[in-house]
């Protein structure tokens, strides 16, 4: 049973014998690097980079569901890219805008 599933994966049009498997597999490196950057201070986060990661996630997630054959590896890596990009953007926005407002409110009330 397991060998037939492995053989089906091996012979799939988006299987390990094709670029359609390896490109998304290596793209996981971007998502993993973005997760590693969660520990990075928010002032060091780049808006253009995170907007590109987020947009890539949205665009290619959609694309991966309309192509034939459906490429679930491509879909999952791009959902991860979208999620990590949104999280990083939210960290940057909170740091750049909300902390300044809170500091100004504290200064006015003193």
C-alpha atoms as a PDB file:
ATOM      1  CA  UNK A   1       0.000   0.000   0.000  1.00  0.00           C
ATOM      2  CA  UNK A   2       2.713   2.474   0.983  1.00  0.00           C
ATOM      3  CA  UNK A   3       4.775   1.669  -2.083  1.00  0.00           C
ATOM      4  CA  UNK A   4       1.841   2.380  -4.387  1.00  0.00           C
ATOM      5  CA  UNK A   5       1.361   5.799  -2.735  1.00  0.00           C
ATOM      6  CA  UNK A   6       5.052   6.575  -3.069  1.00  0.00           C
ATOM      7  CA  UNK A   7       4.977   5.447  -6.684  1.00  0.00           C
ATOM      8  CA  UNK A   8       1.937   7.652  -7.317  1.00  0.00           C
ATOM      9  CA  UNK A   9       3.775  10.635  -5.796  1.00  0.00           C
ATOM     10  CA  UNK A  10       6.924   9.842  -7.800  1.00  0.00           C
ATOM     11  CA  UNK A  11       4.985   9.663 -11.078  1.00  0.00           C
ATOM     12  CA  UNK A  12       2.671  12.629 -10.389  1.00  0.00           C
ATOM     13  CA  UNK A  13       2.861  15.485 -12.944  1.00  0.00           C
ATOM     14  CA  UNK A  14       3.967  17.774 -10.096  1.00  0.00           C
ATOM     15  CA  UNK A  15       6.107  15.098  -8.433  1.00  0.00           C
ATOM     16  CA  UNK A  16       9.796  15.011  -7.514  1.00  0.00           C
ATOM     17  CA  UNK A  17      10.888  14.384 -11.103  1.00  0.00           C
ATOM     18  CA  UNK A  18       9.706  17.877 -12.113  1.00  0.00           C
ATOM     19  CA  UNK A  19      10.502  21.514 -11.381  1.00  0.00           C
ATOM     20  CA  UNK A  20       6.888  21.855 -10.221  1.00  0.00           C
ATOM     21  CA  UNK A  21       7.912  19.961  -7.100  1.00  0.00           C
ATOM     22  CA  UNK A  22      11.351  21.398  -6.419  1.00  0.00           C
ATOM     23  CA  UNK A  23      10.640  25.120  -6.925  1.00  0.00           C
ATOM     24  CA  UNK A  24       7.979  25.273  -4.178  1.00  0.00           C
ATOM     25  CA  UNK A  25      10.047  22.982  -1.979  1.00  0.00           C
ATOM     26  CA  UNK A  26      12.997  25.383  -2.051  1.00  0.00           C
ATOM     27  CA  UNK A  27      10.607  28.330  -1.686  1.00  0.00           C
ATOM     28  CA  UNK A  28       9.905  27.061   1.834  1.00  0.00           C
ATOM     29  CA  UNK A  29      13.294  28.589   2.667  1.00  0.00           C
ATOM     30  CA  UNK A  30      11.770  32.058   2.315  1.00  0.00           C
ATOM     31  CA  UNK A  31       8.959  31.229   4.721  1.00  0.00           C
ATOM     32  CA  UNK A  32      11.375  29.655   7.190  1.00  0.00           C
ATOM     33  CA  UNK A  33      13.627  32.736   7.010  1.00  0.00           C
ATOM     34  CA  UNK A  34      10.592  34.961   7.585  1.00  0.00           C
ATOM     35  CA  UNK A  35       9.658  32.883  10.645  1.00  0.00           C
ATOM     36  CA  UNK A  36      13.236  33.222  11.922  1.00  0.00           C
ATOM     37  CA  UNK A  37      12.843  36.998  11.520  1.00  0.00           C
ATOM     38  CA  UNK A  38       9.993  37.003  14.056  1.00  0.00           C
ATOM     39  CA  UNK A  39      12.739  37.545  16.638  1.00  0.00           C
ATOM     40  CA  UNK A  40      14.085  40.524  14.677  1.00  0.00           C
ATOM     41  CA  UNK A  41      13.292  43.988  16.084  1.00  0.00           C
ATOM     42  CA  UNK A  42      10.336  45.525  14.220  1.00  0.00           C
ATOM     43  CA  UNK A  43      12.332  48.601  13.238  1.00  0.00           C
ATOM     44  CA  UNK A  44      14.519  46.349  11.055  1.00  0.00           C
ATOM     45  CA  UNK A  45      11.578  44.940   9.072  1.00  0.00           C
ATOM     46  CA  UNK A  46      11.337  46.158   5.480  1.00  0.00           C
ATOM     47  CA  UNK A  47       7.935  47.259   4.143  1.00  0.00           C
ATOM     48  CA  UNK A  48       8.819  46.545   0.478  1.00  0.00           C
ATOM     49  CA  UNK A  49      10.168  43.090   1.291  1.00  0.00           C
ATOM     50  CA  UNK A  50       7.172  42.063   3.391  1.00  0.00           C
ATOM     51  CA  UNK A  51       4.682  43.512   0.906  1.00  0.00           C
ATOM     52  CA  UNK A  52       6.394  41.449  -1.809  1.00  0.00           C
ATOM     53  CA  UNK A  53       6.264  38.289   0.340  1.00  0.00           C
ATOM     54  CA  UNK A  54       2.588  38.862   1.158  1.00  0.00           C
ATOM     55  CA  UNK A  55       1.592  39.679  -2.436  1.00  0.00           C
ATOM     56  CA  UNK A  56       3.511  36.675  -3.744  1.00  0.00           C
ATOM     57  CA  UNK A  57       1.651  34.491  -1.268  1.00  0.00           C
ATOM     58  CA  UNK A  58      -1.755  35.738  -2.375  1.00  0.00           C
ATOM     59  CA  UNK A  59      -1.100  35.671  -6.121  1.00  0.00           C
ATOM     60  CA  UNK A  60       0.581  32.281  -6.300  1.00  0.00           C
ATOM     61  CA  UNK A  61      -1.834  30.644  -3.857  1.00  0.00           C
ATOM     62  CA  UNK A  62      -4.643  31.466  -6.222  1.00  0.00           C
ATOM     63  CA  UNK A  63      -2.653  30.434  -9.277  1.00  0.00           C
ATOM     64  CA  UNK A  64      -1.749  27.067  -7.769  1.00  0.00           C
ATOM     65  CA  UNK A  65      -5.430  26.175  -7.471  1.00  0.00           C
ATOM     66  CA  UNK A  66      -6.357  26.948 -11.084  1.00  0.00           C
ATOM     67  CA  UNK A  67      -3.479  25.244 -12.900  1.00  0.00           C
ATOM     68  CA  UNK A  68      -3.560  21.629 -14.015  1.00  0.00           C
ATOM     69  CA  UNK A  69      -2.408  19.593 -12.214  1.00  0.00           C
ATOM     70  CA  UNK A  70      -3.186  21.272  -8.930  1.00  0.00           C
ATOM     71  CA  UNK A  71       0.052  21.857  -7.073  1.00  0.00           C
ATOM     72  CA  UNK A  72      -0.668  21.592  -3.345  1.00  0.00           C
ATOM     73  CA  UNK A  73       2.996  22.046  -2.426  1.00  0.00           C
ATOM     74  CA  UNK A  74       2.944  25.409  -4.225  1.00  0.00           C
ATOM     75  CA  UNK A  75      -0.358  26.291  -2.564  1.00  0.00           C
ATOM     76  CA  UNK A  76       0.839  25.485   0.955  1.00  0.00           C
ATOM     77  CA  UNK A  77       4.141  27.341   0.691  1.00  0.00           C
ATOM     78  CA  UNK A  78       2.365  30.438  -0.599  1.00  0.00           C
ATOM     79  CA  UNK A  79      -0.242  30.336   2.162  1.00  0.00           C
ATOM     80  CA  UNK A  80       2.700  30.228   4.581  1.00  0.00           C
ATOM     81  CA  UNK A  81       4.344  33.163   2.776  1.00  0.00           C
ATOM     82  CA  UNK A  82       1.126  35.157   2.982  1.00  0.00           C
ATOM     83  CA  UNK A  83       0.711  34.390   6.673  1.00  0.00           C
ATOM     84  CA  UNK A  84       4.267  35.252   7.658  1.00  0.00           C
ATOM     85  CA  UNK A  85       4.215  38.394   5.510  1.00  0.00           C
ATOM     86  CA  UNK A  86       0.986  39.649   7.088  1.00  0.00           C
ATOM     87  CA  UNK A  87       2.339  38.948  10.561  1.00  0.00           C
ATOM     88  CA  UNK A  88       5.588  40.813   9.851  1.00  0.00           C
ATOM     89  CA  UNK A  89       3.694  43.750   8.330  1.00  0.00           C
ATOM     90  CA  UNK A  90       1.426  43.925  11.373  1.00  0.00           C
ATOM     91  CA  UNK A  91       4.476  43.986  13.655  1.00  0.00           C
ATOM     92  CA  UNK A  92       6.036  46.801  11.602  1.00  0.00           C
ATOM     93  CA  UNK A  93       2.812  48.837  11.464  1.00  0.00           C
ATOM     94  CA  UNK A  94       2.223  48.466  15.216  1.00  0.00           C
ATOM     95  CA  UNK A  95       5.784  49.586  15.885  1.00  0.00           C
ATOM     96  CA  UNK A  96       5.756  52.529  13.452  1.00  0.00           C
ATOM     97  CA  UNK A  97       2.322  53.939  14.157  1.00  0.00           C
ATOM     98  CA  UNK A  98       0.781  52.723  17.379  1.00  0.00           C
ATOM     99  CA  UNK A  99       3.787  53.068  19.646  1.00  0.00           C
ATOM    100  CA  UNK A 100       4.275  56.688  18.528  1.00  0.00           C
ATOM    101  CA  UNK A 101       0.642  57.531  19.298  1.00  0.00           C
ATOM    102  CA  UNK A 102       0.870  55.953  22.719  1.00  0.00           C
ATOM    103  CA  UNK A 103       4.049  57.921  23.429  1.00  0.00           C
ATOM    104  CA  UNK A 104       2.383  61.164  22.335  1.00  0.00           C
ATOM    105  CA  UNK A 105      -0.667  60.486  24.520  1.00  0.00           C
ATOM    106  CA  UNK A 106       1.578  59.824  27.508  1.00  0.00           C
ATOM    107  CA  UNK A 107       3.496  63.068  26.881  1.00  0.00           C
ATOM    108  CA  UNK A 108       0.278  65.139  26.632  1.00  0.00           C
ATOM    109  CA  UNK A 109      -1.186  63.727  29.845  1.00  0.00           C
ATOM    110  CA  UNK A 110       1.926  64.577  31.877  1.00  0.00           C
END
